[in-house]
Amino acid sequence: MIKSEPLLFSILNKAIDKISAEEHQKISAKWAAPKAIERVDYELVYTISAFSLVIVLLIVFWNRKLAKQISIANEATEALKKAQDQLYSIMEWSPLPQPSTMKVTMR
């Protein structure tokens, strides 16, 4: 693009020629120097990861505990329903008279 603009090319060359060798070295050192890569400190990453893992494990533990309690409650509910059905069946087929206050319609 500069070659297509000879006047601009000439001006830039003259400006570069006026820069001293010392300034060339300073500019090169500033812009072309390889940058040293510092060692990354992973302590914060490890701390956050460990904290997150503990939270996830607590959630999983709590979830399993709740699932077990729900399972026990469901089994108890099924057992009660079965016992209730048996009681209704016995009461329904019983030859003894039943007071009207004992009749429960829960079905």
PDB file of N, CA and C in Angstrom:
ATOM      1  N   MET A   1       0.829  -1.180   0.000  1.00  0.00           N
ATOM      2  CA  MET A   1       0.000   0.000   0.000  1.00  0.00           C
ATOM      3  C   MET A   1       0.882   1.256   0.000  1.00  0.00           C
ATOM      4  N   ILE A   2       2.024   1.195   0.692  1.00  0.00           N
ATOM      5  CA  ILE A   2       2.922   2.351   0.705  1.00  0.00           C
ATOM      6  C   ILE A   2       3.552   2.544  -0.666  1.00  0.00           C
ATOM      7  N   LYS A   3       3.843   1.458  -1.357  1.00  0.00           N
ATOM      8  CA  LYS A   3       4.466   1.574  -2.678  1.00  0.00           C
ATOM      9  C   LYS A   3       3.526   2.247  -3.674  1.00  0.00           C
ATOM     10  N   SER A   4       2.254   2.141  -3.441  1.00  0.00           N
ATOM     11  CA  SER A   4       1.310   2.814  -4.331  1.00  0.00           C
ATOM     12  C   SER A   4       1.228   4.310  -4.019  1.00  0.00           C
ATOM     13  N   GLU A   5       1.775   4.718  -2.891  1.00  0.00           N
ATOM     14  CA  GLU A   5       1.809   6.126  -2.478  1.00  0.00           C
ATOM     15  C   GLU A   5       3.280   6.546  -2.340  1.00  0.00           C
ATOM     16  N   PRO A   6       3.932   6.927  -3.413  1.00  0.00           N
ATOM     17  CA  PRO A   6       5.371   7.231  -3.347  1.00  0.00           C
ATOM     18  C   PRO A   6       5.709   8.393  -2.420  1.00  0.00           C
ATOM     19  N   LEU A   7       4.859   9.383  -2.316  1.00  0.00           N
ATOM     20  CA  LEU A   7       5.134  10.522  -1.446  1.00  0.00           C
ATOM     21  C   LEU A   7       5.135  10.081   0.022  1.00  0.00           C
ATOM     22  N   LEU A   8       4.144   9.294   0.403  1.00  0.00           N
ATOM     23  CA  LEU A   8       4.059   8.777   1.766  1.00  0.00           C
ATOM     24  C   LEU A   8       5.248   7.870   2.067  1.00  0.00           C
ATOM     25  N   PHE A   9       5.631   7.052   1.094  1.00  0.00           N
ATOM     26  CA  PHE A   9       6.778   6.154   1.234  1.00  0.00           C
ATOM     27  C   PHE A   9       8.045   6.960   1.494  1.00  0.00           C
ATOM     28  N   SER A  10       8.226   8.021   0.778  1.00  0.00           N
ATOM     29  CA  SER A  10       9.400   8.887   0.924  1.00  0.00           C
ATOM     30  C   SER A  10       9.420   9.556   2.296  1.00  0.00           C
ATOM     31  N   ILE A  11       8.288  10.049   2.745  1.00  0.00           N
ATOM     32  CA  ILE A  11       8.202  10.717   4.052  1.00  0.00           C
ATOM     33  C   ILE A  11       8.538   9.741   5.175  1.00  0.00           C
ATOM     34  N   LEU A  12       7.995   8.531   5.111  1.00  0.00           N
ATOM     35  CA  LEU A  12       8.256   7.533   6.151  1.00  0.00           C
ATOM     36  C   LEU A  12       9.723   7.123   6.162  1.00  0.00           C
ATOM     37  N   ASN A  13      10.318   6.954   5.003  1.00  0.00           N
ATOM     38  CA  ASN A  13      11.741   6.600   4.941  1.00  0.00           C
ATOM     39  C   ASN A  13      12.602   7.699   5.551  1.00  0.00           C
ATOM     40  N   LYS A  14      12.306   8.957   5.271  1.00  0.00           N
ATOM     41  CA  LYS A  14      13.068  10.071   5.838  1.00  0.00           C
ATOM     42  C   LYS A  14      12.914  10.104   7.361  1.00  0.00           C
ATOM     43  N   ALA A  15      11.714   9.842   7.860  1.00  0.00           N
ATOM     44  CA  ALA A  15      11.483   9.840   9.306  1.00  0.00           C
ATOM     45  C   ALA A  15      12.257   8.703   9.971  1.00  0.00           C
ATOM     46  N   ILE A  16      12.279   7.540   9.346  1.00  0.00           N
ATOM     47  CA  ILE A  16      13.013   6.396   9.892  1.00  0.00           C
ATOM     48  C   ILE A  16      14.509   6.666   9.877  1.00  0.00           C
ATOM     49  N   ASP A  17      15.001   7.307   8.826  1.00  0.00           N
ATOM     50  CA  ASP A  17      16.429   7.619   8.730  1.00  0.00           C
ATOM     51  C   ASP A  17      16.870   8.596   9.819  1.00  0.00           C
ATOM     52  N   LYS A  18      15.994   9.459  10.286  1.00  0.00           N
ATOM     53  CA  LYS A  18      16.349  10.441  11.311  1.00  0.00           C
ATOM     54  C   LYS A  18      16.406   9.828  12.713  1.00  0.00           C
ATOM     55  N   ILE A  19      15.883   8.617  12.880  1.00  0.00           N
ATOM     56  CA  ILE A  19      15.912   7.961  14.189  1.00  0.00           C
ATOM     57  C   ILE A  19      17.312   7.394  14.397  1.00  0.00           C
ATOM     58  N   SER A  20      17.881   7.656  15.551  1.00  0.00           N
ATOM     59  CA  SER A  20      19.248   7.186  15.833  1.00  0.00           C
ATOM     60  C   SER A  20      19.256   5.677  16.073  1.00  0.00           C
ATOM     61  N   ALA A  21      20.459   5.092  16.025  1.00  0.00           N
ATOM     62  CA  ALA A  21      20.616   3.648  16.238  1.00  0.00           C
ATOM     63  C   ALA A  21      20.185   3.262  17.646  1.00  0.00           C
ATOM     64  N   GLU A  22      20.463   4.128  18.606  1.00  0.00           N
ATOM     65  CA  GLU A  22      20.070   3.859  19.992  1.00  0.00           C
ATOM     66  C   GLU A  22      18.548   3.814  20.120  1.00  0.00           C
ATOM     67  N   GLU A  23      17.873   4.753  19.467  1.00  0.00           N
ATOM     68  CA  GLU A  23      16.411   4.759  19.497  1.00  0.00           C
ATOM     69  C   GLU A  23      15.846   3.540  18.769  1.00  0.00           C
ATOM     70  N   HIS A  24      16.504   3.114  17.673  1.00  0.00           N
ATOM     71  CA  HIS A  24      16.089   1.888  16.975  1.00  0.00           C
ATOM     72  C   HIS A  24      16.136   0.702  17.935  1.00  0.00           C
ATOM     73  N   GLN A  25      17.216   0.613  18.725  1.00  0.00           N
ATOM     74  CA  GLN A  25      17.363  -0.495  19.666  1.00  0.00           C
ATOM     75  C   GLN A  25      16.299  -0.432  20.759  1.00  0.00           C
ATOM     76  N   LYS A  26      16.022   0.758  21.263  1.00  0.00           N
ATOM     77  CA  LYS A  26      14.983   0.908  22.288  1.00  0.00           C
ATOM     78  C   LYS A  26      13.617   0.482  21.756  1.00  0.00           C
ATOM     79  N   ILE A  27      13.324   0.925  20.544  1.00  0.00           N
ATOM     80  CA  ILE A  27      12.029   0.571  19.932  1.00  0.00           C
ATOM     81  C   ILE A  27      11.958  -0.931  19.706  1.00  0.00           C
ATOM     82  N   SER A  28      13.034  -1.513  19.185  1.00  0.00           N
ATOM     83  CA  SER A  28      13.060  -2.962  18.941  1.00  0.00           C
ATOM     84  C   SER A  28      12.940  -3.730  20.250  1.00  0.00           C
ATOM     85  N   ALA A  29      13.641  -3.250  21.289  1.00  0.00           N
ATOM     86  CA  ALA A  29      13.579  -3.924  22.585  1.00  0.00           C
ATOM     87  C   ALA A  29      12.166  -3.865  23.165  1.00  0.00           C
ATOM     88  N   LYS A  30      11.516  -2.744  22.949  1.00  0.00           N
ATOM     89  CA  LYS A  30      10.169  -2.585  23.503  1.00  0.00           C
ATOM     90  C   LYS A  30       9.135  -3.433  22.755  1.00  0.00           C
ATOM     91  N   TRP A  31       9.195  -3.433  21.432  1.00  0.00           N
ATOM     92  CA  TRP A  31       8.137  -4.048  20.640  1.00  0.00           C
ATOM     93  C   TRP A  31       8.448  -5.458  20.165  1.00  0.00           C
ATOM     94  N   ALA A  32       9.715  -5.811  20.040  1.00  0.00           N
ATOM     95  CA  ALA A  32      10.051  -7.118  19.482  1.00  0.00           C
ATOM     96  C   ALA A  32      10.668  -8.057  20.506  1.00  0.00           C
ATOM     97  N   ALA A  33      10.805  -7.632  21.732  1.00  0.00           N
ATOM     98  CA  ALA A  33      11.429  -8.480  22.750  1.00  0.00           C
ATOM     99  C   ALA A  33      10.499  -9.636  23.105  1.00  0.00           C
ATOM    100  N   PRO A  34      11.074 -10.821  23.269  1.00  0.00           N
ATOM    101  CA  PRO A  34      10.231 -11.944  23.695  1.00  0.00           C
ATOM    102  C   PRO A  34       9.772 -11.712  25.133  1.00  0.00           C
ATOM    103  N   LYS A  35       8.529 -11.944  25.352  1.00  0.00           N
ATOM    104  CA  LYS A  35       7.980 -11.715  26.680  1.00  0.00           C
ATOM    105  C   LYS A  35       8.149 -12.982  27.512  1.00  0.00           C
ATOM    106  N   ALA A  36       8.599 -12.803  28.721  1.00  0.00           N
ATOM    107  CA  ALA A  36       8.769 -13.938  29.627  1.00  0.00           C
ATOM    108  C   ALA A  36       7.397 -14.332  30.167  1.00  0.00           C
ATOM    109  N   ILE A  37       7.134 -15.606  30.097  1.00  0.00           N
ATOM    110  CA  ILE A  37       5.861 -16.107  30.610  1.00  0.00           C
ATOM    111  C   ILE A  37       6.054 -16.432  32.085  1.00  0.00           C
ATOM    112  N   GLU A  38       5.283 -15.772  32.901  1.00  0.00           N
ATOM    113  CA  GLU A  38       5.375 -16.007  34.335  1.00  0.00           C
ATOM    114  C   GLU A  38       4.656 -17.298  34.680  1.00  0.00           C
ATOM    115  N   ARG A  39       5.117 -17.923  35.739  1.00  0.00           N
ATOM    116  CA  ARG A  39       4.486 -19.156  36.201  1.00  0.00           C
ATOM    117  C   ARG A  39       3.106 -18.806  36.759  1.00  0.00           C
ATOM    118  N   VAL A  40       2.134 -19.553  36.328  1.00  0.00           N
ATOM    119  CA  VAL A  40       0.766 -19.300  36.765  1.00  0.00           C
ATOM    120  C   VAL A  40       0.558 -19.970  38.121  1.00  0.00           C
ATOM    121  N   ASP A  41      -0.006 -19.231  39.047  1.00  0.00           N
ATOM    122  CA  ASP A  41      -0.284 -19.761  40.375  1.00  0.00           C
ATOM    123  C   ASP A  41      -1.677 -20.392  40.356  1.00  0.00           C
ATOM    124  N   TYR A  42      -1.709 -21.703  40.510  1.00  0.00           N
ATOM    125  CA  TYR A  42      -2.971 -22.429  40.436  1.00  0.00           C
ATOM    126  C   TYR A  42      -3.609 -22.636  41.807  1.00  0.00           C
ATOM    127  N   GLU A  43      -3.090 -22.022  42.837  1.00  0.00           N
ATOM    128  CA  GLU A  43      -3.619 -22.235  44.182  1.00  0.00           C
ATOM    129  C   GLU A  43      -5.093 -21.830  44.281  1.00  0.00           C
ATOM    130  N   LEU A  44      -5.448 -20.696  43.699  1.00  0.00           N
ATOM    131  CA  LEU A  44      -6.842 -20.251  43.737  1.00  0.00           C
ATOM    132  C   LEU A  44      -7.736 -21.207  42.952  1.00  0.00           C
ATOM    133  N   VAL A  45      -7.243 -21.682  41.818  1.00  0.00           N
ATOM    134  CA  VAL A  45      -8.018 -22.631  41.005  1.00  0.00           C
ATOM    135  C   VAL A  45      -8.259 -23.913  41.799  1.00  0.00           C
ATOM    136  N   TYR A  46      -7.208 -24.414  42.459  1.00  0.00           N
ATOM    137  CA  TYR A  46      -7.350 -25.635  43.256  1.00  0.00           C
ATOM    138  C   TYR A  46      -8.298 -25.424  44.427  1.00  0.00           C
ATOM    139  N   THR A  47      -8.220 -24.281  45.064  1.00  0.00           N
ATOM    140  CA  THR A  47      -9.092 -23.992  46.203  1.00  0.00           C
ATOM    141  C   THR A  47     -10.556 -23.936  45.772  1.00  0.00           C
ATOM    142  N   ILE A  48     -10.826 -23.235  44.694  1.00  0.00           N
ATOM    143  CA  ILE A  48     -12.206 -23.132  44.200  1.00  0.00           C
ATOM    144  C   ILE A  48     -12.711 -24.496  43.745  1.00  0.00           C
ATOM    145  N   SER A  49     -11.859 -25.270  43.080  1.00  0.00           N
ATOM    146  CA  SER A  49     -12.253 -26.604  42.625  1.00  0.00           C
ATOM    147  C   SER A  49     -12.575 -27.509  43.810  1.00  0.00           C
ATOM    148  N   ALA A  50     -11.739 -27.476  44.835  1.00  0.00           N
ATOM    149  CA  ALA A  50     -11.977 -28.305  46.018  1.00  0.00           C
ATOM    150  C   ALA A  50     -13.271 -27.891  46.713  1.00  0.00           C
ATOM    151  N   PHE A  51     -13.493 -26.602  46.855  1.00  0.00           N
ATOM    152  CA  PHE A  51     -14.717 -26.103  47.487  1.00  0.00           C
ATOM    153  C   PHE A  51     -15.948 -26.524  46.683  1.00  0.00           C
ATOM    154  N   SER A  52     -15.858 -26.412  45.364  1.00  0.00           N
ATOM    155  CA  SER A  52     -16.972 -26.812  44.494  1.00  0.00           C
ATOM    156  C   SER A  52     -17.234 -28.308  44.606  1.00  0.00           C
ATOM    157  N   LEU A  53     -16.166 -29.102  44.663  1.00  0.00           N
ATOM    158  CA  LEU A  53     -16.315 -30.550  44.789  1.00  0.00           C
ATOM    159  C   LEU A  53     -17.001 -30.911  46.101  1.00  0.00           C
ATOM    160  N   VAL A  54     -16.622 -30.247  47.183  1.00  0.00           N
ATOM    161  CA  VAL A  54     -17.252 -30.504  48.480  1.00  0.00           C
ATOM    162  C   VAL A  54     -18.741 -30.170  48.417  1.00  0.00           C
ATOM    163  N   ILE A  55     -19.084 -29.061  47.800  1.00  0.00           N
ATOM    164  CA  ILE A  55     -20.498 -28.675  47.683  1.00  0.00           C
ATOM    165  C   ILE A  55     -21.270 -29.701  46.858  1.00  0.00           C
ATOM    166  N   VAL A  56     -20.697 -30.138  45.738  1.00  0.00           N
ATOM    167  CA  VAL A  56     -21.367 -31.135  44.892  1.00  0.00           C
ATOM    168  C   VAL A  56     -21.552 -32.437  45.659  1.00  0.00           C
ATOM    169  N   LEU A  57     -20.521 -32.873  46.391  1.00  0.00           N
ATOM    170  CA  LEU A  57     -20.637 -34.109  47.168  1.00  0.00           C
ATOM    171  C   LEU A  57     -21.698 -33.987  48.255  1.00  0.00           C
ATOM    172  N   LEU A  58     -21.788 -32.833  48.901  1.00  0.00           N
ATOM    173  CA  LEU A  58     -22.837 -32.628  49.907  1.00  0.00           C
ATOM    174  C   LEU A  58     -24.227 -32.685  49.279  1.00  0.00           C
ATOM    175  N   ILE A  59     -24.372 -32.095  48.118  1.00  0.00           N
ATOM    176  CA  ILE A  59     -25.669 -32.123  47.424  1.00  0.00           C
ATOM    177  C   ILE A  59     -26.037 -33.554  47.047  1.00  0.00           C
ATOM    178  N   VAL A  60     -25.066 -34.315  46.527  1.00  0.00           N
ATOM    179  CA  VAL A  60     -25.330 -35.710  46.153  1.00  0.00           C
ATOM    180  C   VAL A  60     -25.702 -36.525  47.391  1.00  0.00           C
ATOM    181  N   PHE A  61     -24.950 -36.342  48.480  1.00  0.00           N
ATOM    182  CA  PHE A  61     -25.253 -37.058  49.721  1.00  0.00           C
ATOM    183  C   PHE A  61     -26.658 -36.735  50.210  1.00  0.00           C
ATOM    184  N   TRP A  62     -27.002 -35.457  50.235  1.00  0.00           N
ATOM    185  CA  TRP A  62     -28.332 -35.026  50.690  1.00  0.00           C
ATOM    186  C   TRP A  62     -29.421 -35.586  49.775  1.00  0.00           C
ATOM    187  N   ASN A  63     -29.165 -35.587  48.471  1.00  0.00           N
ATOM    188  CA  ASN A  63     -30.127 -36.106  47.506  1.00  0.00           C
ATOM    189  C   ASN A  63     -30.382 -37.593  47.754  1.00  0.00           C
ATOM    190  N   ARG A  64     -29.306 -38.359  47.972  1.00  0.00           N
ATOM    191  CA  ARG A  64     -29.462 -39.797  48.236  1.00  0.00           C
ATOM    192  C   ARG A  64     -30.234 -40.029  49.532  1.00  0.00           C
ATOM    193  N   LYS A  65     -29.937 -39.227  50.547  1.00  0.00           N
ATOM    194  CA  LYS A  65     -30.629 -39.361  51.824  1.00  0.00           C
ATOM    195  C   LYS A  65     -32.123 -39.084  51.656  1.00  0.00           C
ATOM    196  N   LEU A  66     -32.458 -38.032  50.935  1.00  0.00           N
ATOM    197  CA  LEU A  66     -33.869 -37.712  50.694  1.00  0.00           C
ATOM    198  C   LEU A  66     -34.554 -38.786  49.861  1.00  0.00           C
ATOM    199  N   ALA A  67     -33.846 -39.313  48.862  1.00  0.00           N
ATOM    200  CA  ALA A  67     -34.427 -40.369  48.028  1.00  0.00           C
ATOM    201  C   ALA A  67     -34.737 -41.603  48.868  1.00  0.00           C
ATOM    202  N   LYS A  68     -33.848 -41.931  49.815  1.00  0.00           N
ATOM    203  CA  LYS A  68     -34.084 -43.085  50.684  1.00  0.00           C
ATOM    204  C   LYS A  68     -35.298 -42.837  51.576  1.00  0.00           C
ATOM    205  N   GLN A  69     -35.408 -41.625  52.136  1.00  0.00           N
ATOM    206  CA  GLN A  69     -36.555 -41.297  52.981  1.00  0.00           C
ATOM    207  C   GLN A  69     -37.855 -41.332  52.185  1.00  0.00           C
ATOM    208  N   ILE A  70     -37.818 -40.853  50.959  1.00  0.00           N
ATOM    209  CA  ILE A  70     -39.013 -40.885  50.109  1.00  0.00           C
ATOM    210  C   ILE A  70     -39.403 -42.321  49.807  1.00  0.00           C
ATOM    211  N   SER A  71     -38.412 -43.160  49.538  1.00  0.00           N
ATOM    212  CA  SER A  71     -38.683 -44.573  49.264  1.00  0.00           C
ATOM    213  C   SER A  71     -39.330 -45.241  50.475  1.00  0.00           C
ATOM    214  N   ILE A  72     -38.803 -44.967  51.663  1.00  0.00           N
ATOM    215  CA  ILE A  72     -39.379 -45.536  52.890  1.00  0.00           C
ATOM    216  C   ILE A  72     -40.807 -45.030  53.088  1.00  0.00           C
ATOM    217  N   ALA A  73     -41.045 -43.753  52.853  1.00  0.00           N
ATOM    218  CA  ALA A  73     -42.387 -43.180  53.009  1.00  0.00           C
ATOM    219  C   ALA A  73     -43.356 -43.793  51.998  1.00  0.00           C
ATOM    220  N   ASN A  74     -42.893 -44.002  50.765  1.00  0.00           N
ATOM    221  CA  ASN A  74     -43.754 -44.617  49.749  1.00  0.00           C
ATOM    222  C   ASN A  74     -44.097 -46.055  50.118  1.00  0.00           C
ATOM    223  N   GLU A  75     -43.115 -46.796  50.635  1.00  0.00           N
ATOM    224  CA  GLU A  75     -43.384 -48.174  51.062  1.00  0.00           C
ATOM    225  C   GLU A  75     -44.390 -48.192  52.208  1.00  0.00           C
ATOM    226  N   ALA A  76     -44.243 -47.270  53.158  1.00  0.00           N
ATOM    227  CA  ALA A  76     -45.176 -47.195  54.280  1.00  0.00           C
ATOM    228  C   ALA A  76     -46.576 -46.827  53.792  1.00  0.00           C
ATOM    229  N   THR A  77     -46.658 -45.921  52.849  1.00  0.00           N
ATOM    230  CA  THR A  77     -47.954 -45.528  52.291  1.00  0.00           C
ATOM    231  C   THR A  77     -48.622 -46.709  51.600  1.00  0.00           C
ATOM    232  N   GLU A  78     -47.843 -47.458  50.834  1.00  0.00           N
ATOM    233  CA  GLU A  78     -48.399 -48.636  50.157  1.00  0.00           C
ATOM    234  C   GLU A  78     -48.863 -49.679  51.173  1.00  0.00           C
ATOM    235  N   ALA A  79     -48.087 -49.883  52.231  1.00  0.00           N
ATOM    236  CA  ALA A  79     -48.481 -50.850  53.266  1.00  0.00           C
ATOM    237  C   ALA A  79     -49.764 -50.395  53.957  1.00  0.00           C
ATOM    238  N   LEU A  80     -49.877 -49.109  54.257  1.00  0.00           N
ATOM    239  CA  LEU A  80     -51.096 -48.591  54.881  1.00  0.00           C
ATOM    240  C   LEU A  80     -52.298 -48.717  53.956  1.00  0.00           C
ATOM    241  N   LYS A  81     -52.087 -48.447  52.677  1.00  0.00           N
ATOM    242  CA  LYS A  81     -53.182 -48.573  51.714  1.00  0.00           C
ATOM    243  C   LYS A  81     -53.641 -50.025  51.611  1.00  0.00           C
ATOM    244  N   LYS A  82     -52.682 -50.934  51.607  1.00  0.00           N
ATOM    245  CA  LYS A  82     -53.023 -52.356  51.535  1.00  0.00           C
ATOM    246  C   LYS A  82     -53.783 -52.782  52.795  1.00  0.00           C
ATOM    247  N   ALA A  83     -53.330 -52.336  53.963  1.00  0.00           N
ATOM    248  CA  ALA A  83     -54.016 -52.668  55.215  1.00  0.00           C
ATOM    249  C   ALA A  83     -55.412 -52.056  55.241  1.00  0.00           C
ATOM    250  N   GLN A  84     -55.539 -50.841  54.739  1.00  0.00           N
ATOM    251  CA  GLN A  84     -56.845 -50.184  54.695  1.00  0.00           C
ATOM    252  C   GLN A  84     -57.790 -50.947  53.764  1.00  0.00           C
ATOM    253  N   ASP A  85     -57.291 -51.361  52.611  1.00  0.00           N
ATOM    254  CA  ASP A  85     -58.121 -52.131  51.681  1.00  0.00           C
ATOM    255  C   ASP A  85     -58.562 -53.450  52.304  1.00  0.00           C
ATOM    256  N   GLN A  86     -57.653 -54.091  53.033  1.00  0.00           N
ATOM    257  CA  GLN A  86     -58.019 -55.346  53.701  1.00  0.00           C
ATOM    258  C   GLN A  86     -59.089 -55.097  54.758  1.00  0.00           C
ATOM    259  N   LEU A  87     -58.939 -54.019  55.514  1.00  0.00           N
ATOM    260  CA  LEU A  87     -59.924 -53.689  56.543  1.00  0.00           C
ATOM    261  C   LEU A  87     -61.285 -53.411  55.918  1.00  0.00           C
ATOM    262  N   TYR A  88     -61.310 -52.640  54.839  1.00  0.00           N
ATOM    263  CA  TYR A  88     -62.578 -52.372  54.158  1.00  0.00           C
ATOM    264  C   TYR A  88     -63.193 -53.658  53.619  1.00  0.00           C
ATOM    265  N   SER A  89     -62.364 -54.525  53.112  1.00  0.00           N
ATOM    266  CA  SER A  89     -62.864 -55.795  52.586  1.00  0.00           C
ATOM    267  C   SER A  89     -63.470 -56.634  53.707  1.00  0.00           C
ATOM    268  N   ILE A  90     -62.781 -56.682  54.834  1.00  0.00           N
ATOM    269  CA  ILE A  90     -63.298 -57.444  55.978  1.00  0.00           C
ATOM    270  C   ILE A  90     -64.604 -56.834  56.459  1.00  0.00           C
ATOM    271  N   MET A  91     -64.638 -55.521  56.569  1.00  0.00           N
ATOM    272  CA  MET A  91     -65.851 -54.857  57.043  1.00  0.00           C
ATOM    273  C   MET A  91     -66.995 -55.033  56.051  1.00  0.00           C
ATOM    274  N   GLU A  92     -66.668 -55.059  54.771  1.00  0.00           N
ATOM    275  CA  GLU A  92     -67.703 -55.186  53.748  1.00  0.00           C
ATOM    276  C   GLU A  92     -68.347 -56.580  53.777  1.00  0.00           C
ATOM    277  N   TRP A  93     -67.540 -57.592  54.008  1.00  0.00           N
ATOM    278  CA  TRP A  93     -68.041 -58.957  53.984  1.00  0.00           C
ATOM    279  C   TRP A  93     -68.388 -59.485  55.375  1.00  0.00           C
ATOM    280  N   SER A  94     -68.299 -58.656  56.379  1.00  0.00           N
ATOM    281  CA  SER A  94     -68.595 -59.080  57.741  1.00  0.00           C
ATOM    282  C   SER A  94     -70.106 -59.265  57.906  1.00  0.00           C
ATOM    283  N   PRO A  95     -70.502 -60.374  58.546  1.00  0.00           N
ATOM    284  CA  PRO A  95     -71.943 -60.587  58.771  1.00  0.00           C
ATOM    285  C   PRO A  95     -72.486 -59.752  59.927  1.00  0.00           C
ATOM    286  N   LEU A  96     -71.595 -59.149  60.687  1.00  0.00           N
ATOM    287  CA  LEU A  96     -72.038 -58.354  61.829  1.00  0.00           C
ATOM    288  C   LEU A  96     -72.536 -56.992  61.358  1.00  0.00           C
ATOM    289  N   PRO A  97     -73.557 -56.483  62.020  1.00  0.00           N
ATOM    290  CA  PRO A  97     -74.033 -55.156  61.647  1.00  0.00           C
ATOM    291  C   PRO A  97     -72.997 -54.083  62.035  1.00  0.00           C
ATOM    292  N   GLN A  98     -72.897 -53.115  61.175  1.00  0.00           N
ATOM    293  CA  GLN A  98     -71.922 -52.046  61.419  1.00  0.00           C
ATOM    294  C   GLN A  98     -72.661 -50.733  61.620  1.00  0.00           C
ATOM    295  N   PRO A  99     -72.250 -49.996  62.615  1.00  0.00           N
ATOM    296  CA  PRO A  99     -72.888 -48.689  62.794  1.00  0.00           C
ATOM    297  C   PRO A  99     -72.533 -47.767  61.621  1.00  0.00           C
ATOM    298  N   SER A 100     -73.418 -46.882  61.317  1.00  0.00           N
ATOM    299  CA  SER A 100     -73.198 -45.997  60.171  1.00  0.00           C
ATOM    300  C   SER A 100     -72.032 -45.036  60.403  1.00  0.00           C
ATOM    301  N   THR A 101     -71.672 -44.832  61.668  1.00  0.00           N
ATOM    302  CA  THR A 101     -70.546 -43.937  61.948  1.00  0.00           C
ATOM    303  C   THR A 101     -69.204 -44.576  61.597  1.00  0.00           C
ATOM    304  N   MET A 102     -69.157 -45.884  61.450  1.00  0.00           N
ATOM    305  CA  MET A 102     -67.909 -46.567  61.143  1.00  0.00           C
ATOM    306  C   MET A 102     -67.627 -46.595  59.648  1.00  0.00           C
ATOM    307  N   LYS A 103     -68.640 -46.316  58.873  1.00  0.00           N
ATOM    308  CA  LYS A 103     -68.437 -46.358  57.429  1.00  0.00           C
ATOM    309  C   LYS A 103     -67.620 -45.142  56.999  1.00  0.00           C
ATOM    310  N   VAL A 104     -66.566 -45.434  56.333  1.00  0.00           N
ATOM    311  CA  VAL A 104     -65.699 -44.375  55.839  1.00  0.00           C
ATOM    312  C   VAL A 104     -65.580 -44.561  54.339  1.00  0.00           C
ATOM    313  N   THR A 105     -65.832 -43.533  53.626  1.00  0.00           N
ATOM    314  CA  THR A 105     -65.701 -43.620  52.166  1.00  0.00           C
ATOM    315  C   THR A 105     -64.475 -42.818  51.749  1.00  0.00           C
ATOM    316  N   MET A 106     -63.358 -43.508  51.677  1.00  0.00           N
ATOM    317  CA  MET A 106     -62.108 -42.849  51.324  1.00  0.00           C
ATOM    318  C   MET A 106     -61.674 -43.216  49.910  1.00  0.00           C
ATOM    319  N   ARG A 107     -62.393 -44.060  49.268  1.00  0.00           N
ATOM    320  CA  ARG A 107     -61.956 -44.526  47.956  1.00  0.00           C
ATOM    321  C   ARG A 107     -62.217 -43.550  46.895  1.00  0.00           C
TER     322      ARG A 107
END
